[in-house]
Structures are given as structure tokens and as C-alpha cells.
Amino acid sequence: MSMYYTLFMIIMTSGLLVFCSMRKHILLTLLSLEFMVLGLYFMFFYFLFNYEMMTYFILVFLTFTVCEGALGLGVLVSLIRSHGNDYVSSLSFMSW
């Protein structure tokens, strides 16, 4: 049982470390967020099956995860079309 929690903590810690350290590209930031969501999904899946609860909540969680990923990619595509790249340094929030 503690092996799963250790795996969950490793996935979440590495995702958070990449999220905090990669400040150059927005795509890498989005990928690290999706990696953390994947770790949260594994933990949620293990918790629901371990305590024999309804697994319908996993489908709701996956639905929100897919919507979050599609929204992130949509923002990324619109950013690349308007600025030409996905560098965080090229963004100027004062010009919007």
C-alpha cells in the first residue's frame, strides 16, 4: 500500500519540480501539469478501488481532465498564432 503512495508522491514531486523550473516554454508547463494530473488520476483510481467505492467518479475526473487539456492547447495555439512562439519572455501583458 505504501508503494502506491510513494509512486504518487514521486510523480507529483517531479511534475511540480518541472512546473516550477521550466519557465521558458508554455508547452513544457502544460505537459508538467498534465503529468501531475496523471499522478492524481492514479491515486484517485487506487483510492476508489481500495475502498470499493463507485468508480463513476473516475469518468467525471477524466472528462474534466480532457476539457482542461483541450483548453490549454487552445490557449497555446492562439498564443503561437498571435506571437509566433511559446516563449514566456515574449509575452507582454501590458500590450493587451
PDB file of N, CA and C in Angstrom:
ATOM      1  N   MET A   1       0.817  -1.182   0.000  1.00  0.00           N
ATOM      2  CA  MET A   1       0.000   0.000   0.000  1.00  0.00           C
ATOM      3  C   MET A   1       0.868   1.256   0.000  1.00  0.00           C
ATOM      4  N   SER A   2       1.930   1.257   0.757  1.00  0.00           N
ATOM      5  CA  SER A   2       2.775   2.446   0.812  1.00  0.00           C
ATOM      6  C   SER A   2       3.571   2.627  -0.487  1.00  0.00           C
ATOM      7  N   MET A   3       3.718   1.544  -1.273  1.00  0.00           N
ATOM      8  CA  MET A   3       4.411   1.659  -2.548  1.00  0.00           C
ATOM      9  C   MET A   3       3.635   2.565  -3.505  1.00  0.00           C
ATOM     10  N   TYR A   4       2.307   2.457  -3.487  1.00  0.00           N
ATOM     11  CA  TYR A   4       1.487   3.294  -4.351  1.00  0.00           C
ATOM     12  C   TYR A   4       1.548   4.758  -3.928  1.00  0.00           C
ATOM     13  N   TYR A   5       1.544   5.000  -2.637  1.00  0.00           N
ATOM     14  CA  TYR A   5       1.657   6.377  -2.161  1.00  0.00           C
ATOM     15  C   TYR A   5       3.021   6.960  -2.482  1.00  0.00           C
ATOM     16  N   THR A   6       4.058   6.132  -2.398  1.00  0.00           N
ATOM     17  CA  THR A   6       5.402   6.596  -2.742  1.00  0.00           C
ATOM     18  C   THR A   6       5.476   6.931  -4.230  1.00  0.00           C
ATOM     19  N   LEU A   7       4.902   6.085  -5.072  1.00  0.00           N
ATOM     20  CA  LEU A   7       4.871   6.357  -6.507  1.00  0.00           C
ATOM     21  C   LEU A   7       4.097   7.633  -6.810  1.00  0.00           C
ATOM     22  N   PHE A   8       2.974   7.811  -6.120  1.00  0.00           N
ATOM     23  CA  PHE A   8       2.180   9.025  -6.294  1.00  0.00           C
ATOM     24  C   PHE A   8       2.985  10.267  -5.903  1.00  0.00           C
ATOM     25  N   MET A   9       3.694  10.181  -4.795  1.00  0.00           N
ATOM     26  CA  MET A   9       4.477  11.333  -4.341  1.00  0.00           C
ATOM     27  C   MET A   9       5.647  11.633  -5.282  1.00  0.00           C
ATOM     28  N   ILE A  10       6.250  10.589  -5.856  1.00  0.00           N
ATOM     29  CA  ILE A  10       7.337  10.803  -6.816  1.00  0.00           C
ATOM     30  C   ILE A  10       6.802  11.476  -8.076  1.00  0.00           C
ATOM     31  N   ILE A  11       5.660  11.023  -8.568  1.00  0.00           N
ATOM     32  CA  ILE A  11       5.073  11.614  -9.771  1.00  0.00           C
ATOM     33  C   ILE A  11       4.693  13.068  -9.514  1.00  0.00           C
ATOM     34  N   MET A  12       4.059  13.338  -8.393  1.00  0.00           N
ATOM     35  CA  MET A  12       3.632  14.700  -8.101  1.00  0.00           C
ATOM     36  C   MET A  12       4.822  15.628  -7.851  1.00  0.00           C
ATOM     37  N   THR A  13       5.838  15.129  -7.154  1.00  0.00           N
ATOM     38  CA  THR A  13       7.005  15.953  -6.869  1.00  0.00           C
ATOM     39  C   THR A  13       7.784  16.267  -8.142  1.00  0.00           C
ATOM     40  N   SER A  14       7.966  15.270  -9.001  1.00  0.00           N
ATOM     41  CA  SER A  14       8.699  15.530 -10.247  1.00  0.00           C
ATOM     42  C   SER A  14       7.905  16.455 -11.170  1.00  0.00           C
ATOM     43  N   GLY A  15       6.597  16.297 -11.218  1.00  0.00           N
ATOM     44  CA  GLY A  15       5.777  17.205 -12.015  1.00  0.00           C
ATOM     45  C   GLY A  15       5.819  18.624 -11.495  1.00  0.00           C
ATOM     46  N   LEU A  16       5.775  18.781 -10.179  1.00  0.00           N
ATOM     47  CA  LEU A  16       5.846  20.113  -9.584  1.00  0.00           C
ATOM     48  C   LEU A  16       7.218  20.735  -9.766  1.00  0.00           C
ATOM     49  N   LEU A  17       8.254  19.919  -9.695  1.00  0.00           N
ATOM     50  CA  LEU A  17       9.615  20.418  -9.906  1.00  0.00           C
ATOM     51  C   LEU A  17       9.795  20.931 -11.335  1.00  0.00           C
ATOM     52  N   VAL A  18       9.309  20.181 -12.317  1.00  0.00           N
ATOM     53  CA  VAL A  18       9.393  20.622 -13.710  1.00  0.00           C
ATOM     54  C   VAL A  18       8.520  21.853 -13.928  1.00  0.00           C
ATOM     55  N   PHE A  19       7.354  21.880 -13.299  1.00  0.00           N
ATOM     56  CA  PHE A  19       6.460  23.032 -13.444  1.00  0.00           C
ATOM     57  C   PHE A  19       7.108  24.307 -12.908  1.00  0.00           C
ATOM     58  N   CYS A  20       7.811  24.196 -11.800  1.00  0.00           N
ATOM     59  CA  CYS A  20       8.438  25.380 -11.211  1.00  0.00           C
ATOM     60  C   CYS A  20       9.744  25.765 -11.904  1.00  0.00           C
ATOM     61  N   SER A  21      10.442  24.802 -12.477  1.00  0.00           N
ATOM     62  CA  SER A  21      11.747  25.111 -13.062  1.00  0.00           C
ATOM     63  C   SER A  21      11.681  25.509 -14.533  1.00  0.00           C
ATOM     64  N   MET A  22      10.705  25.037 -15.266  1.00  0.00           N
ATOM     65  CA  MET A  22      10.600  25.362 -16.686  1.00  0.00           C
ATOM     66  C   MET A  22       9.763  26.619 -16.868  1.00  0.00           C
ATOM     67  N   ARG A  23      10.433  27.727 -17.014  1.00  0.00           N
ATOM     68  CA  ARG A  23       9.736  28.992 -17.185  1.00  0.00           C
ATOM     69  C   ARG A  23       9.941  29.572 -18.570  1.00  0.00           C
ATOM     70  N   LYS A  24      10.527  28.789 -19.455  1.00  0.00           N
ATOM     71  CA  LYS A  24      10.829  29.322 -20.783  1.00  0.00           C
ATOM     72  C   LYS A  24       9.703  29.047 -21.775  1.00  0.00           C
ATOM     73  N   HIS A  25       9.225  27.802 -21.830  1.00  0.00           N
ATOM     74  CA  HIS A  25       8.193  27.417 -22.797  1.00  0.00           C
ATOM     75  C   HIS A  25       6.884  27.112 -22.077  1.00  0.00           C
ATOM     76  N   ILE A  26       5.806  27.562 -22.649  1.00  0.00           N
ATOM     77  CA  ILE A  26       4.491  27.293 -22.073  1.00  0.00           C
ATOM     78  C   ILE A  26       4.085  25.845 -22.322  1.00  0.00           C
ATOM     79  N   LEU A  27       4.540  25.248 -23.427  1.00  0.00           N
ATOM     80  CA  LEU A  27       4.206  23.858 -23.726  1.00  0.00           C
ATOM     81  C   LEU A  27       4.760  22.913 -22.659  1.00  0.00           C
ATOM     82  N   LEU A  28       5.967  23.147 -22.206  1.00  0.00           N
ATOM     83  CA  LEU A  28       6.536  22.311 -21.144  1.00  0.00           C
ATOM     84  C   LEU A  28       5.779  22.476 -19.828  1.00  0.00           C
ATOM     85  N   THR A  29       5.302  23.660 -19.579  1.00  0.00           N
ATOM     86  CA  THR A  29       4.500  23.896 -18.383  1.00  0.00           C
ATOM     87  C   THR A  29       3.187  23.124 -18.455  1.00  0.00           C
ATOM     88  N   LEU A  30       2.549  23.153 -19.619  1.00  0.00           N
ATOM     89  CA  LEU A  30       1.301  22.407 -19.789  1.00  0.00           C
ATOM     90  C   LEU A  30       1.527  20.896 -19.672  1.00  0.00           C
ATOM     91  N   LEU A  31       2.644  20.406 -20.210  1.00  0.00           N
ATOM     92  CA  LEU A  31       2.946  18.977 -20.101  1.00  0.00           C
ATOM     93  C   LEU A  31       3.193  18.552 -18.655  1.00  0.00           C
ATOM     94  N   SER A  32       3.854  19.397 -17.886  1.00  0.00           N
ATOM     95  CA  SER A  32       4.085  19.045 -16.486  1.00  0.00           C
ATOM     96  C   SER A  32       2.773  19.062 -15.698  1.00  0.00           C
ATOM     97  N   LEU A  33       1.872  19.963 -16.045  1.00  0.00           N
ATOM     98  CA  LEU A  33       0.561  19.957 -15.398  1.00  0.00           C
ATOM     99  C   LEU A  33      -0.217  18.690 -15.734  1.00  0.00           C
ATOM    100  N   GLU A  34      -0.150  18.251 -16.982  1.00  0.00           N
ATOM    101  CA  GLU A  34      -0.822  17.011 -17.366  1.00  0.00           C
ATOM    102  C   GLU A  34      -0.193  15.796 -16.674  1.00  0.00           C
ATOM    103  N   PHE A  35       1.113  15.839 -16.454  1.00  0.00           N
ATOM    104  CA  PHE A  35       1.781  14.748 -15.742  1.00  0.00           C
ATOM    105  C   PHE A  35       1.308  14.691 -14.290  1.00  0.00           C
ATOM    106  N   MET A  36       1.120  15.845 -13.673  1.00  0.00           N
ATOM    107  CA  MET A  36       0.609  15.860 -12.302  1.00  0.00           C
ATOM    108  C   MET A  36      -0.833  15.375 -12.249  1.00  0.00           C
ATOM    109  N   VAL A  37      -1.617  15.705 -13.262  1.00  0.00           N
ATOM    110  CA  VAL A  37      -2.998  15.222 -13.314  1.00  0.00           C
ATOM    111  C   VAL A  37      -3.025  13.706 -13.484  1.00  0.00           C
ATOM    112  N   LEU A  38      -2.074  13.173 -14.251  1.00  0.00           N
ATOM    113  CA  LEU A  38      -1.981  11.720 -14.419  1.00  0.00           C
ATOM    114  C   LEU A  38      -1.653  11.036 -13.090  1.00  0.00           C
ATOM    115  N   GLY A  39      -0.752  11.623 -12.323  1.00  0.00           N
ATOM    116  CA  GLY A  39      -0.452  11.084 -10.997  1.00  0.00           C
ATOM    117  C   GLY A  39      -1.650  11.155 -10.067  1.00  0.00           C
ATOM    118  N   LEU A  40      -2.396  12.245 -10.155  1.00  0.00           N
ATOM    119  CA  LEU A  40      -3.604  12.379  -9.346  1.00  0.00           C
ATOM    120  C   LEU A  40      -4.666  11.366  -9.769  1.00  0.00           C
ATOM    121  N   TYR A  41      -4.726  11.071 -11.063  1.00  0.00           N
ATOM    122  CA  TYR A  41      -5.663  10.057 -11.558  1.00  0.00           C
ATOM    123  C   TYR A  41      -5.311   8.679 -10.996  1.00  0.00           C
ATOM    124  N   PHE A  42      -4.026   8.325 -10.999  1.00  0.00           N
ATOM    125  CA  PHE A  42      -3.626   7.032 -10.445  1.00  0.00           C
ATOM    126  C   PHE A  42      -3.972   6.935  -8.964  1.00  0.00           C
ATOM    127  N   MET A  43      -3.764   7.999  -8.242  1.00  0.00           N
ATOM    128  CA  MET A  43      -4.086   7.993  -6.813  1.00  0.00           C
ATOM    129  C   MET A  43      -5.589   7.889  -6.595  1.00  0.00           C
ATOM    130  N   PHE A  44      -6.359   8.602  -7.377  1.00  0.00           N
ATOM    131  CA  PHE A  44      -7.814   8.562  -7.287  1.00  0.00           C
ATOM    132  C   PHE A  44      -8.339   7.172  -7.630  1.00  0.00           C
ATOM    133  N   PHE A  45      -7.793   6.577  -8.678  1.00  0.00           N
ATOM    134  CA  PHE A  45      -8.172   5.233  -9.093  1.00  0.00           C
ATOM    135  C   PHE A  45      -7.869   4.217  -7.996  1.00  0.00           C
ATOM    136  N   TYR A  46      -6.674   4.310  -7.428  1.00  0.00           N
ATOM    137  CA  TYR A  46      -6.287   3.380  -6.369  1.00  0.00           C
ATOM    138  C   TYR A  46      -7.161   3.570  -5.134  1.00  0.00           C
ATOM    139  N   PHE A  47      -7.466   4.792  -4.773  1.00  0.00           N
ATOM    140  CA  PHE A  47      -8.283   5.068  -3.599  1.00  0.00           C
ATOM    141  C   PHE A  47      -9.692   4.507  -3.764  1.00  0.00           C
ATOM    142  N   LEU A  48     -10.290   4.741  -4.935  1.00  0.00           N
ATOM    143  CA  LEU A  48     -11.659   4.271  -5.142  1.00  0.00           C
ATOM    144  C   LEU A  48     -11.741   2.748  -5.203  1.00  0.00           C
ATOM    145  N   PHE A  49     -10.756   2.093  -5.807  1.00  0.00           N
ATOM    146  CA  PHE A  49     -10.788   0.635  -5.857  1.00  0.00           C
ATOM    147  C   PHE A  49     -10.402   0.008  -4.537  1.00  0.00           C
ATOM    148  N   ASN A  50      -9.572   0.667  -3.764  1.00  0.00           N
ATOM    149  CA  ASN A  50      -9.158   0.124  -2.477  1.00  0.00           C
ATOM    150  C   ASN A  50     -10.299   0.134  -1.471  1.00  0.00           C
ATOM    151  N   TYR A  51     -11.113   1.172  -1.481  1.00  0.00           N
ATOM    152  CA  TYR A  51     -12.217   1.284  -0.544  1.00  0.00           C
ATOM    153  C   TYR A  51     -13.550   0.890  -1.153  1.00  0.00           C
ATOM    154  N   GLU A  52     -13.532   0.281  -2.332  1.00  0.00           N
ATOM    155  CA  GLU A  52     -14.700  -0.255  -3.023  1.00  0.00           C
ATOM    156  C   GLU A  52     -15.824   0.771  -3.141  1.00  0.00           C
ATOM    157  N   MET A  53     -15.458   1.947  -3.616  1.00  0.00           N
ATOM    158  CA  MET A  53     -16.456   2.994  -3.840  1.00  0.00           C
ATOM    159  C   MET A  53     -16.852   3.003  -5.305  1.00  0.00           C
ATOM    160  N   MET A  54     -17.778   3.876  -5.639  1.00  0.00           N
ATOM    161  CA  MET A  54     -18.240   3.973  -7.021  1.00  0.00           C
ATOM    162  C   MET A  54     -17.119   4.506  -7.905  1.00  0.00           C
ATOM    163  N   THR A  55     -16.876   3.824  -8.983  1.00  0.00           N
ATOM    164  CA  THR A  55     -15.814   4.252  -9.893  1.00  0.00           C
ATOM    165  C   THR A  55     -16.344   5.199 -10.972  1.00  0.00           C
ATOM    166  N   TYR A  56     -17.596   5.595 -10.866  1.00  0.00           N
ATOM    167  CA  TYR A  56     -18.162   6.565 -11.811  1.00  0.00           C
ATOM    168  C   TYR A  56     -17.435   7.901 -11.715  1.00  0.00           C
ATOM    169  N   PHE A  57     -16.928   8.221 -10.537  1.00  0.00           N
ATOM    170  CA  PHE A  57     -16.234   9.498 -10.346  1.00  0.00           C
ATOM    171  C   PHE A  57     -14.963   9.591 -11.177  1.00  0.00           C
ATOM    172  N   ILE A  58     -14.387   8.452 -11.524  1.00  0.00           N
ATOM    173  CA  ILE A  58     -13.189   8.458 -12.364  1.00  0.00           C
ATOM    174  C   ILE A  58     -13.523   8.993 -13.758  1.00  0.00           C
ATOM    175  N   LEU A  59     -14.691   8.636 -14.279  1.00  0.00           N
ATOM    176  CA  LEU A  59     -15.106   9.148 -15.586  1.00  0.00           C
ATOM    177  C   LEU A  59     -15.343  10.651 -15.553  1.00  0.00           C
ATOM    178  N   VAL A  60     -15.904  11.139 -14.464  1.00  0.00           N
ATOM    179  CA  VAL A  60     -16.106  12.581 -14.326  1.00  0.00           C
ATOM    180  C   VAL A  60     -14.758  13.286 -14.256  1.00  0.00           C
ATOM    181  N   PHE A  61     -13.814  12.711 -13.507  1.00  0.00           N
ATOM    182  CA  PHE A  61     -12.475  13.285 -13.399  1.00  0.00           C
ATOM    183  C   PHE A  61     -11.779  13.301 -14.754  1.00  0.00           C
ATOM    184  N   LEU A  62     -11.890  12.216 -15.515  1.00  0.00           N
ATOM    185  CA  LEU A  62     -11.276  12.171 -16.847  1.00  0.00           C
ATOM    186  C   LEU A  62     -11.919  13.173 -17.802  1.00  0.00           C
ATOM    187  N   THR A  63     -13.215  13.392 -17.669  1.00  0.00           N
ATOM    188  CA  THR A  63     -13.893  14.375 -18.509  1.00  0.00           C
ATOM    189  C   THR A  63     -13.343  15.774 -18.254  1.00  0.00           C
ATOM    190  N   PHE A  64     -13.202  16.125 -16.986  1.00  0.00           N
ATOM    191  CA  PHE A  64     -12.655  17.442 -16.658  1.00  0.00           C
ATOM    192  C   PHE A  64     -11.188  17.550 -17.059  1.00  0.00           C
ATOM    193  N   THR A  65     -10.457  16.454 -16.989  1.00  0.00           N
ATOM    194  CA  THR A  65      -9.052  16.465 -17.388  1.00  0.00           C
ATOM    195  C   THR A  65      -8.920  16.703 -18.887  1.00  0.00           C
ATOM    196  N   VAL A  66      -9.755  16.065 -19.681  1.00  0.00           N
ATOM    197  CA  VAL A  66      -9.721  16.251 -21.130  1.00  0.00           C
ATOM    198  C   VAL A  66     -10.113  17.676 -21.493  1.00  0.00           C
ATOM    199  N   CYS A  67     -11.111  18.217 -20.817  1.00  0.00           N
ATOM    200  CA  CYS A  67     -11.507  19.603 -21.070  1.00  0.00           C
ATOM    201  C   CYS A  67     -10.396  20.571 -20.707  1.00  0.00           C
ATOM    202  N   GLU A  68      -9.699  20.300 -19.615  1.00  0.00           N
ATOM    203  CA  GLU A  68      -8.590  21.151 -19.197  1.00  0.00           C
ATOM    204  C   GLU A  68      -7.446  21.090 -20.198  1.00  0.00           C
ATOM    205  N   GLY A  69      -7.148  19.902 -20.708  1.00  0.00           N
ATOM    206  CA  GLY A  69      -6.092  19.759 -21.702  1.00  0.00           C
ATOM    207  C   GLY A  69      -6.440  20.436 -23.013  1.00  0.00           C
ATOM    208  N   ALA A  70      -7.679  20.311 -23.445  1.00  0.00           N
ATOM    209  CA  ALA A  70      -8.105  20.959 -24.692  1.00  0.00           C
ATOM    210  C   ALA A  70      -8.086  22.476 -24.555  1.00  0.00           C
ATOM    211  N   LEU A  71      -8.478  22.981 -23.401  1.00  0.00           N
ATOM    212  CA  LEU A  71      -8.443  24.423 -23.179  1.00  0.00           C
ATOM    213  C   LEU A  71      -7.006  24.936 -23.165  1.00  0.00           C
ATOM    214  N   GLY A  72      -6.091  24.198 -22.544  1.00  0.00           N
ATOM    215  CA  GLY A  72      -4.684  24.585 -22.530  1.00  0.00           C
ATOM    216  C   GLY A  72      -4.079  24.597 -23.922  1.00  0.00           C
ATOM    217  N   LEU A  73      -4.391  23.585 -24.723  1.00  0.00           N
ATOM    218  CA  LEU A  73      -3.880  23.557 -26.092  1.00  0.00           C
ATOM    219  C   LEU A  73      -4.486  24.660 -26.951  1.00  0.00           C
ATOM    220  N   GLY A  74      -5.745  24.978 -26.712  1.00  0.00           N
ATOM    221  CA  GLY A  74      -6.371  26.074 -27.450  1.00  0.00           C
ATOM    222  C   GLY A  74      -5.712  27.414 -27.142  1.00  0.00           C
ATOM    223  N   VAL A  75      -5.411  27.628 -25.876  1.00  0.00           N
ATOM    224  CA  VAL A  75      -4.721  28.855 -25.492  1.00  0.00           C
ATOM    225  C   VAL A  75      -3.316  28.882 -26.083  1.00  0.00           C
ATOM    226  N   LEU A  76      -2.646  27.735 -26.094  1.00  0.00           N
ATOM    227  CA  LEU A  76      -1.302  27.659 -26.660  1.00  0.00           C
ATOM    228  C   LEU A  76      -1.310  27.955 -28.160  1.00  0.00           C
ATOM    229  N   VAL A  77      -2.267  27.401 -28.892  1.00  0.00           N
ATOM    230  CA  VAL A  77      -2.348  27.647 -30.335  1.00  0.00           C
ATOM    231  C   VAL A  77      -2.651  29.110 -30.611  1.00  0.00           C
ATOM    232  N   SER A  78      -3.549  29.698 -29.846  1.00  0.00           N
ATOM    233  CA  SER A  78      -3.849  31.110 -30.070  1.00  0.00           C
ATOM    234  C   SER A  78      -2.660  31.991 -29.708  1.00  0.00           C
ATOM    235  N   LEU A  79      -1.897  31.605 -28.711  1.00  0.00           N
ATOM    236  CA  LEU A  79      -0.700  32.351 -28.341  1.00  0.00           C
ATOM    237  C   LEU A  79       0.360  32.260 -29.433  1.00  0.00           C
ATOM    238  N   ILE A  80       0.547  31.074 -29.995  1.00  0.00           N
ATOM    239  CA  ILE A  80       1.536  30.903 -31.058  1.00  0.00           C
ATOM    240  C   ILE A  80       1.110  31.668 -32.310  1.00  0.00           C
ATOM    241  N   ARG A  81      -0.177  31.681 -32.617  1.00  0.00           N
ATOM    242  CA  ARG A  81      -0.630  32.432 -33.792  1.00  0.00           C
ATOM    243  C   ARG A  81      -0.472  33.937 -33.616  1.00  0.00           C
ATOM    244  N   SER A  82      -0.650  34.406 -32.403  1.00  0.00           N
ATOM    245  CA  SER A  82      -0.562  35.859 -32.216  1.00  0.00           C
ATOM    246  C   SER A  82       0.860  36.350 -31.992  1.00  0.00           C
ATOM    247  N   HIS A  83       1.713  35.536 -31.328  1.00  0.00           N
ATOM    248  CA  HIS A  83       3.071  35.982 -31.000  1.00  0.00           C
ATOM    249  C   HIS A  83       4.158  35.275 -31.802  1.00  0.00           C
ATOM    250  N   GLY A  84       3.863  34.138 -32.402  1.00  0.00           N
ATOM    251  CA  GLY A  84       4.851  33.454 -33.224  1.00  0.00           C
ATOM    252  C   GLY A  84       5.660  32.402 -32.499  1.00  0.00           C
ATOM    253  N   ASN A  85       5.616  32.360 -31.182  1.00  0.00           N
ATOM    254  CA  ASN A  85       6.337  31.337 -30.420  1.00  0.00           C
ATOM    255  C   ASN A  85       5.627  31.125 -29.088  1.00  0.00           C
ATOM    256  N   ASP A  86       6.159  30.187 -28.294  1.00  0.00           N
ATOM    257  CA  ASP A  86       5.545  29.925 -26.997  1.00  0.00           C
ATOM    258  C   ASP A  86       6.471  30.298 -25.845  1.00  0.00           C
ATOM    259  N   TYR A  87       7.352  31.247 -26.081  1.00  0.00           N
ATOM    260  CA  TYR A  87       8.229  31.718 -25.012  1.00  0.00           C
ATOM    261  C   TYR A  87       7.451  32.596 -24.044  1.00  0.00           C
ATOM    262  N   VAL A  88       7.690  32.385 -22.783  1.00  0.00           N
ATOM    263  CA  VAL A  88       7.039  33.211 -21.777  1.00  0.00           C
ATOM    264  C   VAL A  88       7.610  34.624 -21.821  1.00  0.00           C
ATOM    265  N   SER A  89       8.891  34.749 -22.162  1.00  0.00           N
ATOM    266  CA  SER A  89       9.531  36.063 -22.165  1.00  0.00           C
ATOM    267  C   SER A  89       9.003  36.977 -23.265  1.00  0.00           C
ATOM    268  N   SER A  90       8.408  36.410 -24.316  1.00  0.00           N
ATOM    269  CA  SER A  90       7.887  37.250 -25.401  1.00  0.00           C
ATOM    270  C   SER A  90       6.516  37.826 -25.077  1.00  0.00           C
ATOM    271  N   LEU A  91       5.909  37.375 -24.011  1.00  0.00           N
ATOM    272  CA  LEU A  91       4.595  37.885 -23.646  1.00  0.00           C
ATOM    273  C   LEU A  91       4.731  39.214 -22.924  1.00  0.00           C
ATOM    274  N   SER A  92       3.927  40.134 -23.307  1.00  0.00           N
ATOM    275  CA  SER A  92       3.858  41.410 -22.622  1.00  0.00           C
ATOM    276  C   SER A  92       2.396  41.648 -22.283  1.00  0.00           C
ATOM    277  N   PHE A  93       2.066  41.518 -21.042  1.00  0.00           N
ATOM    278  CA  PHE A  93       0.672  41.645 -20.641  1.00  0.00           C
ATOM    279  C   PHE A  93       0.191  43.094 -20.657  1.00  0.00           C
ATOM    280  N   MET A  94       1.132  44.021 -20.749  1.00  0.00           N
ATOM    281  CA  MET A  94       0.747  45.441 -20.791  1.00  0.00           C
ATOM    282  C   MET A  94       0.215  45.828 -22.164  1.00  0.00           C
ATOM    283  N   SER A  95       0.571  45.075 -23.218  1.00  0.00           N
ATOM    284  CA  SER A  95       0.152  45.460 -24.569  1.00  0.00           C
ATOM    285  C   SER A  95      -1.221  44.919 -24.924  1.00  0.00           C
ATOM    286  N   TRP A  96      -1.808  44.101 -24.128  1.00  0.00           N
ATOM    287  CA  TRP A  96      -3.116  43.536 -24.443  1.00  0.00           C
ATOM    288  C   TRP A  96      -4.132  44.508 -24.036  1.00  0.00           C
TER     289      TRP A  96
END
